[in-house]
Amino acid sequence: MKSALLIAVMAAVTLLLRALPFLVLRKRTPAYISYLGRVLPPAIIGMLVIYCLKDITPAVRPFGLPELAAAACVVGMQVWRRSALISILSGTAVYMLLIRVIL
């Protein structure tokens, strides 16, 4: 019985926290929130790219080839298909194939 009550309280709090921005900002979205919605996604993607490529050592085999090939695959798939999911999955597959099978 305690577990069910605990789960119900957690579900209610989660629902409230997710609905709160819509309830508070019912009339109009503030300009700074709109600005953050425009600039944060590209900034986060840029930081992820830097994080993923930061440990490449061009002087040591495999010279960063798996990472760069996977990044090129992601960019190519994004340009071609315009689907983040397909781009990320294909880049991950290329990277894993290169580090596990070929290199």
PDB file of N, CA and C in Angstrom:
ATOM      1  N   MET A   1       0.827  -1.205   0.000  1.00  0.00           N
ATOM      2  CA  MET A   1       0.000   0.000   0.000  1.00  0.00           C
ATOM      3  C   MET A   1       0.867   1.264   0.000  1.00  0.00           C
ATOM      4  N   LYS A   2       1.957   1.228   0.777  1.00  0.00           N
ATOM      5  CA  LYS A   2       2.838   2.391   0.831  1.00  0.00           C
ATOM      6  C   LYS A   2       3.489   2.641  -0.524  1.00  0.00           C
ATOM      7  N   SER A   3       3.834   1.571  -1.205  1.00  0.00           N
ATOM      8  CA  SER A   3       4.474   1.723  -2.518  1.00  0.00           C
ATOM      9  C   SER A   3       3.528   2.387  -3.512  1.00  0.00           C
ATOM     10  N   ALA A   4       2.271   1.986  -3.506  1.00  0.00           N
ATOM     11  CA  ALA A   4       1.295   2.569  -4.419  1.00  0.00           C
ATOM     12  C   ALA A   4       1.098   4.053  -4.117  1.00  0.00           C
ATOM     13  N   LEU A   5       1.048   4.408  -2.835  1.00  0.00           N
ATOM     14  CA  LEU A   5       0.894   5.807  -2.451  1.00  0.00           C
ATOM     15  C   LEU A   5       2.126   6.617  -2.860  1.00  0.00           C
ATOM     16  N   LEU A   6       3.294   6.045  -2.670  1.00  0.00           N
ATOM     17  CA  LEU A   6       4.533   6.716  -3.056  1.00  0.00           C
ATOM     18  C   LEU A   6       4.584   6.948  -4.563  1.00  0.00           C
ATOM     19  N   ILE A   7       4.211   5.949  -5.335  1.00  0.00           N
ATOM     20  CA  ILE A   7       4.191   6.078  -6.791  1.00  0.00           C
ATOM     21  C   ILE A   7       3.166   7.125  -7.223  1.00  0.00           C
ATOM     22  N   ALA A   8       2.009   7.153  -6.585  1.00  0.00           N
ATOM     23  CA  ALA A   8       0.977   8.138  -6.927  1.00  0.00           C
ATOM     24  C   ALA A   8       1.447   9.558  -6.628  1.00  0.00           C
ATOM     25  N   VAL A   9       2.116   9.766  -5.494  1.00  0.00           N
ATOM     26  CA  VAL A   9       2.625  11.089  -5.149  1.00  0.00           C
ATOM     27  C   VAL A   9       3.703  11.512  -6.143  1.00  0.00           C
ATOM     28  N   MET A  10       4.624  10.610  -6.483  1.00  0.00           N
ATOM     29  CA  MET A  10       5.670  10.939  -7.453  1.00  0.00           C
ATOM     30  C   MET A  10       5.079  11.259  -8.820  1.00  0.00           C
ATOM     31  N   ALA A  11       4.060  10.529  -9.229  1.00  0.00           N
ATOM     32  CA  ALA A  11       3.410  10.795 -10.511  1.00  0.00           C
ATOM     33  C   ALA A  11       2.730  12.162 -10.496  1.00  0.00           C
ATOM     34  N   ALA A  12       2.072  12.496  -9.387  1.00  0.00           N
ATOM     35  CA  ALA A  12       1.388  13.791  -9.288  1.00  0.00           C
ATOM     36  C   ALA A  12       2.397  14.943  -9.310  1.00  0.00           C
ATOM     37  N   VAL A  13       3.500  14.800  -8.592  1.00  0.00           N
ATOM     38  CA  VAL A  13       4.524  15.848  -8.575  1.00  0.00           C
ATOM     39  C   VAL A  13       5.143  16.003  -9.967  1.00  0.00           C
ATOM     40  N   THR A  14       5.431  14.888 -10.630  1.00  0.00           N
ATOM     41  CA  THR A  14       5.996  14.946 -11.981  1.00  0.00           C
ATOM     42  C   THR A  14       5.032  15.638 -12.935  1.00  0.00           C
ATOM     43  N   LEU A  15       3.766  15.289 -12.888  1.00  0.00           N
ATOM     44  CA  LEU A  15       2.763  15.908 -13.744  1.00  0.00           C
ATOM     45  C   LEU A  15       2.656  17.411 -13.460  1.00  0.00           C
ATOM     46  N   LEU A  16       2.670  17.780 -12.186  1.00  0.00           N
ATOM     47  CA  LEU A  16       2.595  19.190 -11.821  1.00  0.00           C
ATOM     48  C   LEU A  16       3.806  19.959 -12.335  1.00  0.00           C
ATOM     49  N   LEU A  17       5.004  19.390 -12.165  1.00  0.00           N
ATOM     50  CA  LEU A  17       6.212  20.072 -12.625  1.00  0.00           C
ATOM     51  C   LEU A  17       6.239  20.238 -14.138  1.00  0.00           C
ATOM     52  N   ARG A  18       5.705  19.282 -14.853  1.00  0.00           N
ATOM     53  CA  ARG A  18       5.672  19.398 -16.314  1.00  0.00           C
ATOM     54  C   ARG A  18       4.596  20.361 -16.788  1.00  0.00           C
ATOM     55  N   ALA A  19       3.517  20.490 -16.053  1.00  0.00           N
ATOM     56  CA  ALA A  19       2.429  21.386 -16.445  1.00  0.00           C
ATOM     57  C   ALA A  19       2.645  22.819 -15.959  1.00  0.00           C
ATOM     58  N   LEU A  20       3.506  22.999 -14.955  1.00  0.00           N
ATOM     59  CA  LEU A  20       3.703  24.308 -14.347  1.00  0.00           C
ATOM     60  C   LEU A  20       4.115  25.400 -15.339  1.00  0.00           C
ATOM     61  N   PRO A  21       5.075  25.181 -16.249  1.00  0.00           N
ATOM     62  CA  PRO A  21       5.408  26.255 -17.191  1.00  0.00           C
ATOM     63  C   PRO A  21       4.224  26.675 -18.057  1.00  0.00           C
ATOM     64  N   PHE A  22       3.396  25.731 -18.443  1.00  0.00           N
ATOM     65  CA  PHE A  22       2.230  26.065 -19.262  1.00  0.00           C
ATOM     66  C   PHE A  22       1.184  26.826 -18.458  1.00  0.00           C
ATOM     67  N   LEU A  23       1.094  26.525 -17.187  1.00  0.00           N
ATOM     68  CA  LEU A  23       0.141  27.233 -16.342  1.00  0.00           C
ATOM     69  C   LEU A  23       0.635  28.641 -16.007  1.00  0.00           C
ATOM     70  N   VAL A  24       1.915  28.788 -15.734  1.00  0.00           N
ATOM     71  CA  VAL A  24       2.472  30.084 -15.359  1.00  0.00           C
ATOM     72  C   VAL A  24       2.569  31.007 -16.571  1.00  0.00           C
ATOM     73  N   LEU A  25       3.013  30.473 -17.706  1.00  0.00           N
ATOM     74  CA  LEU A  25       3.220  31.281 -18.909  1.00  0.00           C
ATOM     75  C   LEU A  25       2.062  31.129 -19.894  1.00  0.00           C
ATOM     76  N   ARG A  26       0.875  31.117 -19.380  1.00  0.00           N
ATOM     77  CA  ARG A  26      -0.317  30.872 -20.193  1.00  0.00           C
ATOM     78  C   ARG A  26      -0.526  31.929 -21.276  1.00  0.00           C
ATOM     79  N   LYS A  27      -0.288  33.171 -20.950  1.00  0.00           N
ATOM     80  CA  LYS A  27      -0.595  34.258 -21.888  1.00  0.00           C
ATOM     81  C   LYS A  27       0.404  34.333 -23.039  1.00  0.00           C
ATOM     82  N   ARG A  28       1.664  34.585 -22.712  1.00  0.00           N
ATOM     83  CA  ARG A  28       2.667  34.832 -23.746  1.00  0.00           C
ATOM     84  C   ARG A  28       4.020  34.375 -23.237  1.00  0.00           C
ATOM     85  N   THR A  29       4.788  33.784 -24.127  1.00  0.00           N
ATOM     86  CA  THR A  29       6.122  33.337 -23.761  1.00  0.00           C
ATOM     87  C   THR A  29       7.050  34.547 -23.682  1.00  0.00           C
ATOM     88  N   PRO A  30       7.792  34.681 -22.582  1.00  0.00           N
ATOM     89  CA  PRO A  30       8.724  35.814 -22.475  1.00  0.00           C
ATOM     90  C   PRO A  30       9.794  35.756 -23.562  1.00  0.00           C
ATOM     91  N   ALA A  31      10.322  36.917 -23.899  1.00  0.00           N
ATOM     92  CA  ALA A  31      11.298  37.022 -24.990  1.00  0.00           C
ATOM     93  C   ALA A  31      12.565  36.228 -24.686  1.00  0.00           C
ATOM     94  N   TYR A  32      13.009  36.217 -23.422  1.00  0.00           N
ATOM     95  CA  TYR A  32      14.243  35.504 -23.109  1.00  0.00           C
ATOM     96  C   TYR A  32      14.067  33.983 -23.238  1.00  0.00           C
ATOM     97  N   ILE A  33      12.880  33.484 -22.996  1.00  0.00           N
ATOM     98  CA  ILE A  33      12.628  32.053 -23.175  1.00  0.00           C
ATOM     99  C   ILE A  33      12.647  31.708 -24.664  1.00  0.00           C
ATOM    100  N   SER A  34      12.054  32.549 -25.482  1.00  0.00           N
ATOM    101  CA  SER A  34      12.088  32.336 -26.934  1.00  0.00           C
ATOM    102  C   SER A  34      13.520  32.389 -27.455  1.00  0.00           C
ATOM    103  N   TYR A  35      14.299  33.342 -26.935  1.00  0.00           N
ATOM    104  CA  TYR A  35      15.699  33.462 -27.333  1.00  0.00           C
ATOM    105  C   TYR A  35      16.473  32.188 -26.974  1.00  0.00           C
ATOM    106  N   LEU A  36      16.301  31.720 -25.749  1.00  0.00           N
ATOM    107  CA  LEU A  36      16.985  30.494 -25.333  1.00  0.00           C
ATOM    108  C   LEU A  36      16.551  29.300 -26.173  1.00  0.00           C
ATOM    109  N   GLY A  37      15.303  29.247 -26.555  1.00  0.00           N
ATOM    110  CA  GLY A  37      14.813  28.169 -27.405  1.00  0.00           C
ATOM    111  C   GLY A  37      15.452  28.180 -28.785  1.00  0.00           C
ATOM    112  N   ARG A  38      15.864  29.352 -29.246  1.00  0.00           N
ATOM    113  CA  ARG A  38      16.535  29.459 -30.552  1.00  0.00           C
ATOM    114  C   ARG A  38      18.017  29.151 -30.467  1.00  0.00           C
ATOM    115  N   VAL A  39      18.705  29.624 -29.432  1.00  0.00           N
ATOM    116  CA  VAL A  39      20.164  29.537 -29.402  1.00  0.00           C
ATOM    117  C   VAL A  39      20.713  28.317 -28.666  1.00  0.00           C
ATOM    118  N   LEU A  40      19.982  27.756 -27.731  1.00  0.00           N
ATOM    119  CA  LEU A  40      20.524  26.641 -26.967  1.00  0.00           C
ATOM    120  C   LEU A  40      20.716  25.350 -27.771  1.00  0.00           C
ATOM    121  N   PRO A  41      19.775  24.919 -28.610  1.00  0.00           N
ATOM    122  CA  PRO A  41      20.011  23.660 -29.328  1.00  0.00           C
ATOM    123  C   PRO A  41      21.287  23.652 -30.176  1.00  0.00           C
ATOM    124  N   PRO A  42      21.568  24.669 -31.000  1.00  0.00           N
ATOM    125  CA  PRO A  42      22.841  24.639 -31.736  1.00  0.00           C
ATOM    126  C   PRO A  42      24.060  24.704 -30.810  1.00  0.00           C
ATOM    127  N   ALA A  43      23.958  25.445 -29.715  1.00  0.00           N
ATOM    128  CA  ALA A  43      25.077  25.542 -28.776  1.00  0.00           C
ATOM    129  C   ALA A  43      25.354  24.198 -28.121  1.00  0.00           C
ATOM    130  N   ILE A  44      24.311  23.479 -27.766  1.00  0.00           N
ATOM    131  CA  ILE A  44      24.478  22.166 -27.141  1.00  0.00           C
ATOM    132  C   ILE A  44      25.073  21.181 -28.136  1.00  0.00           C
ATOM    133  N   ILE A  45      24.614  21.205 -29.370  1.00  0.00           N
ATOM    134  CA  ILE A  45      25.170  20.324 -30.395  1.00  0.00           C
ATOM    135  C   ILE A  45      26.649  20.644 -30.603  1.00  0.00           C
ATOM    136  N   GLY A  46      26.991  21.917 -30.660  1.00  0.00           N
ATOM    137  CA  GLY A  46      28.396  22.304 -30.806  1.00  0.00           C
ATOM    138  C   GLY A  46      29.254  21.796 -29.667  1.00  0.00           C
ATOM    139  N   MET A  47      28.771  21.912 -28.447  1.00  0.00           N
ATOM    140  CA  MET A  47      29.517  21.406 -27.297  1.00  0.00           C
ATOM    141  C   MET A  47      29.663  19.891 -27.350  1.00  0.00           C
ATOM    142  N   LEU A  48      28.639  19.181 -27.793  1.00  0.00           N
ATOM    143  CA  LEU A  48      28.732  17.729 -27.921  1.00  0.00           C
ATOM    144  C   LEU A  48      29.765  17.325 -28.966  1.00  0.00           C
ATOM    145  N   VAL A  49      29.819  18.047 -30.072  1.00  0.00           N
ATOM    146  CA  VAL A  49      30.804  17.747 -31.109  1.00  0.00           C
ATOM    147  C   VAL A  49      32.212  17.968 -30.560  1.00  0.00           C
ATOM    148  N   ILE A  50      32.418  19.075 -29.879  1.00  0.00           N
ATOM    149  CA  ILE A  50      33.735  19.345 -29.292  1.00  0.00           C
ATOM    150  C   ILE A  50      34.100  18.261 -28.285  1.00  0.00           C
ATOM    151  N   TYR A  51      33.159  17.867 -27.458  1.00  0.00           N
ATOM    152  CA  TYR A  51      33.417  16.829 -26.461  1.00  0.00           C
ATOM    153  C   TYR A  51      33.776  15.506 -27.118  1.00  0.00           C
ATOM    154  N   CYS A  52      33.069  15.153 -28.181  1.00  0.00           N
ATOM    155  CA  CYS A  52      33.317  13.874 -28.851  1.00  0.00           C
ATOM    156  C   CYS A  52      34.655  13.853 -29.592  1.00  0.00           C
ATOM    157  N   LEU A  53      35.110  14.991 -30.076  1.00  0.00           N
ATOM    158  CA  LEU A  53      36.335  15.030 -30.876  1.00  0.00           C
ATOM    159  C   LEU A  53      37.557  15.508 -30.087  1.00  0.00           C
ATOM    160  N   LYS A  54      37.410  15.761 -28.797  1.00  0.00           N
ATOM    161  CA  LYS A  54      38.500  16.353 -28.020  1.00  0.00           C
ATOM    162  C   LYS A  54      39.668  15.399 -27.798  1.00  0.00           C
ATOM    163  N   ASP A  55      39.465  14.109 -27.806  1.00  0.00           N
ATOM    164  CA  ASP A  55      40.532  13.152 -27.511  1.00  0.00           C
ATOM    165  C   ASP A  55      41.206  12.579 -28.752  1.00  0.00           C
ATOM    166  N   ILE A  56      40.959  13.155 -29.904  1.00  0.00           N
ATOM    167  CA  ILE A  56      41.610  12.677 -31.124  1.00  0.00           C
ATOM    168  C   ILE A  56      43.099  13.015 -31.058  1.00  0.00           C
ATOM    169  N   THR A  57      43.923  12.012 -31.336  1.00  0.00           N
ATOM    170  CA  THR A  57      45.370  12.220 -31.393  1.00  0.00           C
ATOM    171  C   THR A  57      45.824  11.929 -32.817  1.00  0.00           C
ATOM    172  N   PRO A  58      46.099  12.956 -33.606  1.00  0.00           N
ATOM    173  CA  PRO A  58      46.451  12.742 -35.008  1.00  0.00           C
ATOM    174  C   PRO A  58      47.759  11.998 -35.212  1.00  0.00           C
ATOM    175  N   ALA A  59      48.620  11.956 -34.212  1.00  0.00           N
ATOM    176  CA  ALA A  59      49.925  11.308 -34.366  1.00  0.00           C
ATOM    177  C   ALA A  59      49.903   9.827 -34.002  1.00  0.00           C
ATOM    178  N   VAL A  60      48.820   9.345 -33.458  1.00  0.00           N
ATOM    179  CA  VAL A  60      48.737   7.961 -32.997  1.00  0.00           C
ATOM    180  C   VAL A  60      47.643   7.234 -33.774  1.00  0.00           C
ATOM    181  N   ARG A  61      47.962   6.000 -34.200  1.00  0.00           N
ATOM    182  CA  ARG A  61      47.004   5.193 -34.928  1.00  0.00           C
ATOM    183  C   ARG A  61      45.764   5.001 -34.094  1.00  0.00           C
ATOM    184  N   PRO A  62      44.567   5.111 -34.556  1.00  0.00           N
ATOM    185  CA  PRO A  62      44.072   5.231 -35.924  1.00  0.00           C
ATOM    186  C   PRO A  62      43.891   6.661 -36.398  1.00  0.00           C
ATOM    187  N   PHE A  63      44.598   7.621 -35.779  1.00  0.00           N
ATOM    188  CA  PHE A  63      44.668   9.000 -36.252  1.00  0.00           C
ATOM    189  C   PHE A  63      43.328   9.743 -36.219  1.00  0.00           C
ATOM    190  N   GLY A  64      42.388   9.290 -35.403  1.00  0.00           N
ATOM    191  CA  GLY A  64      41.079   9.943 -35.326  1.00  0.00           C
ATOM    192  C   GLY A  64      40.147   9.582 -36.458  1.00  0.00           C
ATOM    193  N   LEU A  65      40.529   8.580 -37.252  1.00  0.00           N
ATOM    194  CA  LEU A  65      39.714   8.192 -38.402  1.00  0.00           C
ATOM    195  C   LEU A  65      38.290   7.756 -38.019  1.00  0.00           C
ATOM    196  N   PRO A  66      38.091   6.906 -37.007  1.00  0.00           N
ATOM    197  CA  PRO A  66      36.708   6.511 -36.677  1.00  0.00           C
ATOM    198  C   PRO A  66      35.827   7.693 -36.290  1.00  0.00           C
ATOM    199  N   GLU A  67      36.361   8.599 -35.483  1.00  0.00           N
ATOM    200  CA  GLU A  67      35.577   9.742 -35.037  1.00  0.00           C
ATOM    201  C   GLU A  67      35.237  10.672 -36.200  1.00  0.00           C
ATOM    202  N   LEU A  68      36.231  10.947 -37.030  1.00  0.00           N
ATOM    203  CA  LEU A  68      35.992  11.852 -38.161  1.00  0.00           C
ATOM    204  C   LEU A  68      35.070  11.228 -39.202  1.00  0.00           C
ATOM    205  N   ALA A  69      35.203   9.922 -39.445  1.00  0.00           N
ATOM    206  CA  ALA A  69      34.311   9.246 -40.392  1.00  0.00           C
ATOM    207  C   ALA A  69      32.874   9.247 -39.872  1.00  0.00           C
ATOM    208  N   ALA A  70      32.712   8.994 -38.580  1.00  0.00           N
ATOM    209  CA  ALA A  70      31.369   9.002 -37.991  1.00  0.00           C
ATOM    210  C   ALA A  70      30.770  10.404 -38.038  1.00  0.00           C
ATOM    211  N   ALA A  71      31.578  11.422 -37.744  1.00  0.00           N
ATOM    212  CA  ALA A  71      31.086  12.802 -37.808  1.00  0.00           C
ATOM    213  C   ALA A  71      30.688  13.170 -39.233  1.00  0.00           C
ATOM    214  N   ALA A  72      31.491  12.756 -40.212  1.00  0.00           N
ATOM    215  CA  ALA A  72      31.154  13.018 -41.610  1.00  0.00           C
ATOM    216  C   ALA A  72      29.874  12.297 -42.001  1.00  0.00           C
ATOM    217  N   CYS A  73      29.696  11.086 -41.496  1.00  0.00           N
ATOM    218  CA  CYS A  73      28.461  10.334 -41.770  1.00  0.00           C
ATOM    219  C   CYS A  73      27.246  11.067 -41.190  1.00  0.00           C
ATOM    220  N   VAL A  74      27.367  11.551 -39.966  1.00  0.00           N
ATOM    221  CA  VAL A  74      26.258  12.278 -39.330  1.00  0.00           C
ATOM    222  C   VAL A  74      25.908  13.528 -40.136  1.00  0.00           C
ATOM    223  N   VAL A  75      26.930  14.289 -40.515  1.00  0.00           N
ATOM    224  CA  VAL A  75      26.680  15.513 -41.291  1.00  0.00           C
ATOM    225  C   VAL A  75      26.043  15.165 -42.635  1.00  0.00           C
ATOM    226  N   GLY A  76      26.592  14.162 -43.313  1.00  0.00           N
ATOM    227  CA  GLY A  76      26.041  13.759 -44.608  1.00  0.00           C
ATOM    228  C   GLY A  76      24.603  13.282 -44.526  1.00  0.00           C
ATOM    229  N   MET A  77      24.305  12.472 -43.530  1.00  0.00           N
ATOM    230  CA  MET A  77      22.935  11.983 -43.365  1.00  0.00           C
ATOM    231  C   MET A  77      21.981  13.122 -42.998  1.00  0.00           C
ATOM    232  N   GLN A  78      22.473  14.070 -42.199  1.00  0.00           N
ATOM    233  CA  GLN A  78      21.615  15.192 -41.821  1.00  0.00           C
ATOM    234  C   GLN A  78      21.298  16.062 -43.028  1.00  0.00           C
ATOM    235  N   VAL A  79      22.308  16.290 -43.876  1.00  0.00           N
ATOM    236  CA  VAL A  79      22.078  17.084 -45.083  1.00  0.00           C
ATOM    237  C   VAL A  79      21.130  16.344 -46.025  1.00  0.00           C
ATOM    238  N   TRP A  80      21.315  15.043 -46.144  1.00  0.00           N
ATOM    239  CA  TRP A  80      20.529  14.254 -47.088  1.00  0.00           C
ATOM    240  C   TRP A  80      19.113  13.997 -46.596  1.00  0.00           C
ATOM    241  N   ARG A  81      18.970  13.492 -45.364  1.00  0.00           N
ATOM    242  CA  ARG A  81      17.658  13.045 -44.880  1.00  0.00           C
ATOM    243  C   ARG A  81      16.951  14.039 -43.956  1.00  0.00           C
ATOM    244  N   ARG A  82      17.688  14.967 -43.364  1.00  0.00           N
ATOM    245  CA  ARG A  82      17.115  15.931 -42.417  1.00  0.00           C
ATOM    246  C   ARG A  82      16.403  15.249 -41.246  1.00  0.00           C
ATOM    247  N   SER A  83      17.001  14.182 -40.759  1.00  0.00           N
ATOM    248  CA  SER A  83      16.433  13.452 -39.625  1.00  0.00           C
ATOM    249  C   SER A  83      17.527  13.230 -38.591  1.00  0.00           C
ATOM    250  N   ALA A  84      17.362  13.831 -37.421  1.00  0.00           N
ATOM    251  CA  ALA A  84      18.373  13.699 -36.376  1.00  0.00           C
ATOM    252  C   ALA A  84      18.532  12.252 -35.941  1.00  0.00           C
ATOM    253  N   LEU A  85      17.431  11.527 -35.833  1.00  0.00           N
ATOM    254  CA  LEU A  85      17.500  10.135 -35.388  1.00  0.00           C
ATOM    255  C   LEU A  85      18.299   9.276 -36.368  1.00  0.00           C
ATOM    256  N   ILE A  86      17.995   9.398 -37.639  1.00  0.00           N
ATOM    257  CA  ILE A  86      18.728   8.623 -38.654  1.00  0.00           C
ATOM    258  C   ILE A  86      20.192   9.036 -38.677  1.00  0.00           C
ATOM    259  N   SER A  87      20.478  10.312 -38.554  1.00  0.00           N
ATOM    260  CA  SER A  87      21.854  10.799 -38.564  1.00  0.00           C
ATOM    261  C   SER A  87      22.648  10.242 -37.393  1.00  0.00           C
ATOM    262  N   ILE A  88      22.078  10.314 -36.203  1.00  0.00           N
ATOM    263  CA  ILE A  88      22.777   9.836 -35.010  1.00  0.00           C
ATOM    264  C   ILE A  88      22.964   8.328 -35.058  1.00  0.00           C
ATOM    265  N   LEU A  89      21.930   7.604 -35.446  1.00  0.00           N
ATOM    266  CA  LEU A  89      22.051   6.139 -35.522  1.00  0.00           C
ATOM    267  C   LEU A  89      23.071   5.709 -36.562  1.00  0.00           C
ATOM    268  N   SER A  90      23.082   6.356 -37.717  1.00  0.00           N
ATOM    269  CA  SER A  90      24.042   5.972 -38.755  1.00  0.00           C
ATOM    270  C   SER A  90      25.464   6.324 -38.335  1.00  0.00           C
ATOM    271  N   GLY A  91      25.667   7.478 -37.712  1.00  0.00           N
ATOM    272  CA  GLY A  91      26.992   7.847 -37.229  1.00  0.00           C
ATOM    273  C   GLY A  91      27.489   6.901 -36.155  1.00  0.00           C
ATOM    274  N   THR A  92      26.595   6.503 -35.257  1.00  0.00           N
ATOM    275  CA  THR A  92      26.959   5.541 -34.222  1.00  0.00           C
ATOM    276  C   THR A  92      27.321   4.200 -34.831  1.00  0.00           C
ATOM    277  N   ALA A  93      26.550   3.762 -35.812  1.00  0.00           N
ATOM    278  CA  ALA A  93      26.834   2.485 -36.468  1.00  0.00           C
ATOM    279  C   ALA A  93      28.185   2.522 -37.186  1.00  0.00           C
ATOM    280  N   VAL A  94      28.467   3.605 -37.875  1.00  0.00           N
ATOM    281  CA  VAL A  94      29.761   3.729 -38.568  1.00  0.00           C
ATOM    282  C   VAL A  94      30.898   3.709 -37.554  1.00  0.00           C
ATOM    283  N   TYR A  95      30.759   4.441 -36.477  1.00  0.00           N
ATOM    284  CA  TYR A  95      31.801   4.503 -35.472  1.00  0.00           C
ATOM    285  C   TYR A  95      32.043   3.118 -34.847  1.00  0.00           C
ATOM    286  N   MET A  96      30.978   2.452 -34.455  1.00  0.00           N
ATOM    287  CA  MET A  96      31.120   1.136 -33.820  1.00  0.00           C
ATOM    288  C   MET A  96      31.691   0.127 -34.802  1.00  0.00           C
ATOM    289  N   LEU A  97      31.292   0.173 -36.038  1.00  0.00           N
ATOM    290  CA  LEU A  97      31.834  -0.730 -37.053  1.00  0.00           C
ATOM    291  C   LEU A  97      33.343  -0.495 -37.217  1.00  0.00           C
ATOM    292  N   LEU A  98      33.725   0.761 -37.279  1.00  0.00           N
ATOM    293  CA  LEU A  98      35.145   1.074 -37.451  1.00  0.00           C
ATOM    294  C   LEU A  98      36.002   0.654 -36.264  1.00  0.00           C
ATOM    295  N   ILE A  99      35.540   0.904 -35.056  1.00  0.00           N
ATOM    296  CA  ILE A  99      36.391   0.585 -33.895  1.00  0.00           C
ATOM    297  C   ILE A  99      36.354  -0.897 -33.513  1.00  0.00           C
ATOM    298  N   ARG A 100      35.280  -1.593 -33.861  1.00  0.00           N
ATOM    299  CA  ARG A 100      35.153  -3.000 -33.459  1.00  0.00           C
ATOM    300  C   ARG A 100      35.576  -3.984 -34.539  1.00  0.00           C
ATOM    301  N   VAL A 101      35.319  -3.669 -35.776  1.00  0.00           N
ATOM    302  CA  VAL A 101      35.530  -4.651 -36.837  1.00  0.00           C
ATOM    303  C   VAL A 101      36.745  -4.303 -37.689  1.00  0.00           C
ATOM    304  N   ILE A 102      36.821  -3.093 -38.168  1.00  0.00           N
ATOM    305  CA  ILE A 102      37.838  -2.745 -39.160  1.00  0.00           C
ATOM    306  C   ILE A 102      39.147  -2.323 -38.501  1.00  0.00           C
ATOM    307  N   LEU A 103      39.117  -1.454 -37.515  1.00  0.00           N
ATOM    308  CA  LEU A 103      40.358  -0.940 -36.926  1.00  0.00           C
ATOM    309  C   LEU A 103      40.705  -1.723 -35.706  1.00  0.00           C
TER     310      LEU A 103
END
